[in-house]
Amino acid sequence: MMDPKVLDDIAKQLSAAVPEDLHKLRDDLQKNFRAILSSAFSRMSLVTREEFDAQQSVLTRTREKLEALEERLKEMEKNL
């Protein structure tokens, strides 16, 4: 899930880029931008940095175990 503060910041930046004569609509635009961004990000398969790092760590450990098992298998095959 995307951090709501990040969505708010992006929505504010987008609404700030609106031409001056439309600034009266800034609050409405900001709410609409936030809703659109939230909807778009929720449809994406995004993960947090913490989740990514945790999965990367699991993958590294799994790869190390697999390599160790491959070595053991080679040794066992050699002894047969």
N, C-alpha and C. Protein backbone atom coordinates (compact mmCIF):
# COMPACT_ATOMS: atom_id res chain seq x y z
N MET A 1 0.85 -1.19 0.00
CA MET A 1 0.00 0.00 0.00
C MET A 1 0.88 1.24 0.00
N MET A 2 0.51 2.19 -0.80
CA MET A 2 1.27 3.43 -0.93
C MET A 2 1.01 4.32 0.29
N ASP A 3 2.05 4.98 0.75
CA ASP A 3 1.94 5.89 1.88
C ASP A 3 1.02 7.05 1.53
N PRO A 4 -0.03 7.28 2.33
CA PRO A 4 -0.97 8.37 2.03
C PRO A 4 -0.30 9.74 1.94
N LYS A 5 0.77 9.94 2.71
CA LYS A 5 1.48 11.23 2.66
C LYS A 5 2.11 11.44 1.29
N VAL A 6 2.63 10.37 0.72
CA VAL A 6 3.24 10.47 -0.61
C VAL A 6 2.17 10.85 -1.64
N LEU A 7 1.00 10.21 -1.54
CA LEU A 7 -0.09 10.55 -2.45
C LEU A 7 -0.51 12.01 -2.29
N ASP A 8 -0.59 12.47 -1.04
CA ASP A 8 -0.95 13.86 -0.79
C ASP A 8 0.08 14.82 -1.40
N ASP A 9 1.35 14.48 -1.22
CA ASP A 9 2.42 15.34 -1.76
C ASP A 9 2.35 15.42 -3.28
N ILE A 10 2.15 14.28 -3.92
CA ILE A 10 2.06 14.27 -5.39
C ILE A 10 0.84 15.06 -5.84
N ALA A 11 -0.29 14.87 -5.16
CA ALA A 11 -1.52 15.59 -5.52
C ALA A 11 -1.32 17.10 -5.36
N LYS A 12 -0.62 17.52 -4.30
CA LYS A 12 -0.35 18.95 -4.09
C LYS A 12 0.53 19.50 -5.21
N GLN A 13 1.53 18.73 -5.60
CA GLN A 13 2.42 19.18 -6.67
C GLN A 13 1.66 19.32 -7.99
N LEU A 14 0.78 18.38 -8.26
CA LEU A 14 -0.02 18.46 -9.48
C LEU A 14 -0.96 19.66 -9.45
N SER A 15 -1.61 19.87 -8.32
CA SER A 15 -2.54 21.00 -8.24
C SER A 15 -1.79 22.33 -8.28
N ALA A 16 -0.55 22.36 -7.81
CA ALA A 16 0.24 23.59 -7.86
C ALA A 16 0.64 23.92 -9.30
N ALA A 17 0.67 22.91 -10.16
CA ALA A 17 1.06 23.12 -11.55
C ALA A 17 -0.09 23.62 -12.42
N VAL A 18 -1.27 23.71 -11.83
CA VAL A 18 -2.45 24.17 -12.56
C VAL A 18 -2.32 25.67 -12.84
N PRO A 19 -2.75 26.13 -14.00
CA PRO A 19 -2.68 27.56 -14.32
C PRO A 19 -3.39 28.43 -13.27
N GLU A 20 -2.90 29.65 -13.12
CA GLU A 20 -3.38 30.57 -12.08
C GLU A 20 -4.90 30.76 -12.08
N ASP A 21 -5.51 30.87 -13.26
CA ASP A 21 -6.94 31.15 -13.30
C ASP A 21 -7.77 29.96 -12.82
N LEU A 22 -7.15 28.80 -12.63
CA LEU A 22 -7.88 27.64 -12.12
C LEU A 22 -7.59 27.35 -10.66
N HIS A 23 -6.83 28.22 -10.01
CA HIS A 23 -6.45 27.98 -8.62
C HIS A 23 -7.65 28.00 -7.67
N LYS A 24 -8.76 28.57 -8.08
CA LYS A 24 -9.95 28.54 -7.24
C LYS A 24 -10.44 27.11 -7.08
N LEU A 25 -10.10 26.29 -8.02
CA LEU A 25 -10.52 24.88 -7.99
C LEU A 25 -9.45 23.98 -7.37
N ARG A 26 -8.41 24.56 -6.80
CA ARG A 26 -7.26 23.81 -6.31
C ARG A 26 -7.65 22.68 -5.35
N ASP A 27 -8.48 22.96 -4.37
CA ASP A 27 -8.85 21.92 -3.40
C ASP A 27 -9.57 20.75 -4.08
N ASP A 28 -10.51 21.08 -4.97
CA ASP A 28 -11.21 20.01 -5.69
C ASP A 28 -10.25 19.21 -6.57
N LEU A 29 -9.38 19.93 -7.26
CA LEU A 29 -8.40 19.25 -8.12
C LEU A 29 -7.48 18.35 -7.30
N GLN A 30 -7.05 18.86 -6.17
CA GLN A 30 -6.14 18.09 -5.32
C GLN A 30 -6.82 16.80 -4.84
N LYS A 31 -8.09 16.89 -4.44
CA LYS A 31 -8.82 15.70 -4.01
C LYS A 31 -8.98 14.72 -5.17
N ASN A 32 -9.29 15.25 -6.35
CA ASN A 32 -9.46 14.38 -7.52
C ASN A 32 -8.13 13.75 -7.93
N PHE A 33 -7.05 14.52 -7.91
CA PHE A 33 -5.73 13.98 -8.23
C PHE A 33 -5.38 12.85 -7.26
N ARG A 34 -5.65 13.08 -5.97
CA ARG A 34 -5.32 12.07 -4.96
C ARG A 34 -6.12 10.79 -5.21
N ALA A 35 -7.39 10.93 -5.51
CA ALA A 35 -8.24 9.76 -5.77
C ALA A 35 -7.76 8.99 -7.00
N ILE A 36 -7.42 9.72 -8.04
CA ILE A 36 -6.93 9.07 -9.26
C ILE A 36 -5.61 8.35 -9.00
N LEU A 37 -4.70 9.02 -8.31
CA LEU A 37 -3.40 8.40 -8.01
C LEU A 37 -3.57 7.17 -7.12
N SER A 38 -4.41 7.29 -6.12
CA SER A 38 -4.65 6.16 -5.21
C SER A 38 -5.21 4.97 -5.98
N SER A 39 -6.15 5.23 -6.86
CA SER A 39 -6.74 4.17 -7.66
C SER A 39 -5.70 3.53 -8.58
N ALA A 40 -4.90 4.36 -9.22
CA ALA A 40 -3.88 3.83 -10.15
C ALA A 40 -2.84 3.01 -9.40
N PHE A 41 -2.37 3.51 -8.27
CA PHE A 41 -1.35 2.78 -7.52
C PHE A 41 -1.90 1.50 -6.92
N SER A 42 -3.15 1.48 -6.55
CA SER A 42 -3.72 0.26 -5.94
C SER A 42 -3.84 -0.86 -6.97
N ARG A 43 -3.93 -0.52 -8.25
CA ARG A 43 -4.01 -1.54 -9.30
C ARG A 43 -2.64 -2.09 -9.67
N MET A 44 -1.59 -1.42 -9.24
CA MET A 44 -0.24 -1.88 -9.54
C MET A 44 0.23 -2.86 -8.48
N SER A 45 1.15 -3.68 -8.85
CA SER A 45 1.72 -4.64 -7.90
C SER A 45 2.95 -4.01 -7.25
N LEU A 46 2.73 -3.04 -6.41
CA LEU A 46 3.83 -2.34 -5.75
C LEU A 46 4.03 -2.90 -4.34
N VAL A 47 5.27 -2.91 -3.91
CA VAL A 47 5.59 -3.32 -2.54
C VAL A 47 6.45 -2.23 -1.91
N THR A 48 6.48 -2.24 -0.59
CA THR A 48 7.31 -1.27 0.11
C THR A 48 8.78 -1.70 0.03
N ARG A 49 9.66 -0.80 0.31
CA ARG A 49 11.10 -1.10 0.32
C ARG A 49 11.38 -2.19 1.35
N GLU A 50 10.71 -2.13 2.50
CA GLU A 50 10.92 -3.12 3.55
C GLU A 50 10.51 -4.52 3.07
N GLU A 51 9.37 -4.61 2.40
CA GLU A 51 8.92 -5.90 1.87
C GLU A 51 9.89 -6.43 0.81
N PHE A 52 10.35 -5.53 -0.04
CA PHE A 52 11.30 -5.91 -1.08
C PHE A 52 12.60 -6.44 -0.46
N ASP A 53 13.13 -5.70 0.52
CA ASP A 53 14.37 -6.12 1.17
C ASP A 53 14.21 -7.45 1.89
N ALA A 54 13.06 -7.66 2.53
CA ALA A 54 12.82 -8.93 3.22
C ALA A 54 12.80 -10.08 2.23
N GLN A 55 12.12 -9.91 1.11
CA GLN A 55 12.05 -10.97 0.10
C GLN A 55 13.41 -11.21 -0.55
N GLN A 56 14.17 -10.16 -0.72
CA GLN A 56 15.51 -10.30 -1.29
C GLN A 56 16.39 -11.12 -0.34
N SER A 57 16.24 -10.88 0.96
CA SER A 57 16.99 -11.63 1.96
C SER A 57 16.60 -13.11 1.95
N VAL A 58 15.31 -13.38 1.86
CA VAL A 58 14.83 -14.77 1.78
C VAL A 58 15.39 -15.45 0.53
N LEU A 59 15.36 -14.75 -0.59
CA LEU A 59 15.88 -15.32 -1.84
C LEU A 59 17.37 -15.62 -1.72
N THR A 60 18.13 -14.74 -1.11
CA THR A 60 19.57 -14.94 -0.95
C THR A 60 19.84 -16.19 -0.11
N ARG A 61 19.11 -16.31 1.02
CA ARG A 61 19.30 -17.49 1.88
C ARG A 61 18.90 -18.77 1.16
N THR A 62 17.82 -18.72 0.40
CA THR A 62 17.36 -19.89 -0.35
C THR A 62 18.39 -20.30 -1.40
N ARG A 63 18.94 -19.31 -2.08
CA ARG A 63 19.96 -19.58 -3.10
C ARG A 63 21.19 -20.23 -2.46
N GLU A 64 21.59 -19.73 -1.28
CA GLU A 64 22.75 -20.31 -0.59
C GLU A 64 22.48 -21.76 -0.19
N LYS A 65 21.28 -22.03 0.31
CA LYS A 65 20.92 -23.40 0.70
C LYS A 65 20.90 -24.32 -0.52
N LEU A 66 20.37 -23.82 -1.63
CA LEU A 66 20.33 -24.62 -2.85
C LEU A 66 21.73 -24.96 -3.33
N GLU A 67 22.63 -24.00 -3.29
CA GLU A 67 24.01 -24.24 -3.71
C GLU A 67 24.68 -25.26 -2.80
N ALA A 68 24.42 -25.17 -1.50
CA ALA A 68 25.00 -26.13 -0.56
C ALA A 68 24.45 -27.53 -0.82
N LEU A 69 23.16 -27.63 -1.08
CA LEU A 69 22.56 -28.93 -1.40
C LEU A 69 23.10 -29.50 -2.70
N GLU A 70 23.33 -28.66 -3.70
CA GLU A 70 23.90 -29.12 -4.95
C GLU A 70 25.30 -29.70 -4.73
N GLU A 71 26.09 -29.03 -3.87
CA GLU A 71 27.43 -29.52 -3.56
C GLU A 71 27.36 -30.86 -2.85
N ARG A 72 26.44 -30.98 -1.89
CA ARG A 72 26.28 -32.26 -1.18
C ARG A 72 25.88 -33.37 -2.15
N LEU A 73 24.98 -33.06 -3.07
CA LEU A 73 24.54 -34.05 -4.05
C LEU A 73 25.71 -34.48 -4.94
N LYS A 74 26.54 -33.53 -5.36
CA LYS A 74 27.70 -33.87 -6.18
C LYS A 74 28.64 -34.81 -5.42
N GLU A 75 28.86 -34.53 -4.13
CA GLU A 75 29.72 -35.37 -3.31
C GLU A 75 29.13 -36.76 -3.16
N MET A 76 27.81 -36.84 -2.95
CA MET A 76 27.16 -38.14 -2.80
C MET A 76 27.24 -38.95 -4.09
N GLU A 77 27.05 -38.26 -5.22
CA GLU A 77 27.13 -38.94 -6.53
C GLU A 77 28.55 -39.43 -6.78
N LYS A 78 29.53 -38.64 -6.35
CA LYS A 78 30.93 -39.01 -6.53
C LYS A 78 31.27 -40.26 -5.73
N ASN A 79 30.67 -40.37 -4.54
CA ASN A 79 30.94 -41.51 -3.66
C ASN A 79 30.22 -42.78 -4.09
N LEU A 80 29.27 -42.67 -4.98
CA LEU A 80 28.57 -43.87 -5.46
C LEU A 80 29.41 -44.48 -6.51
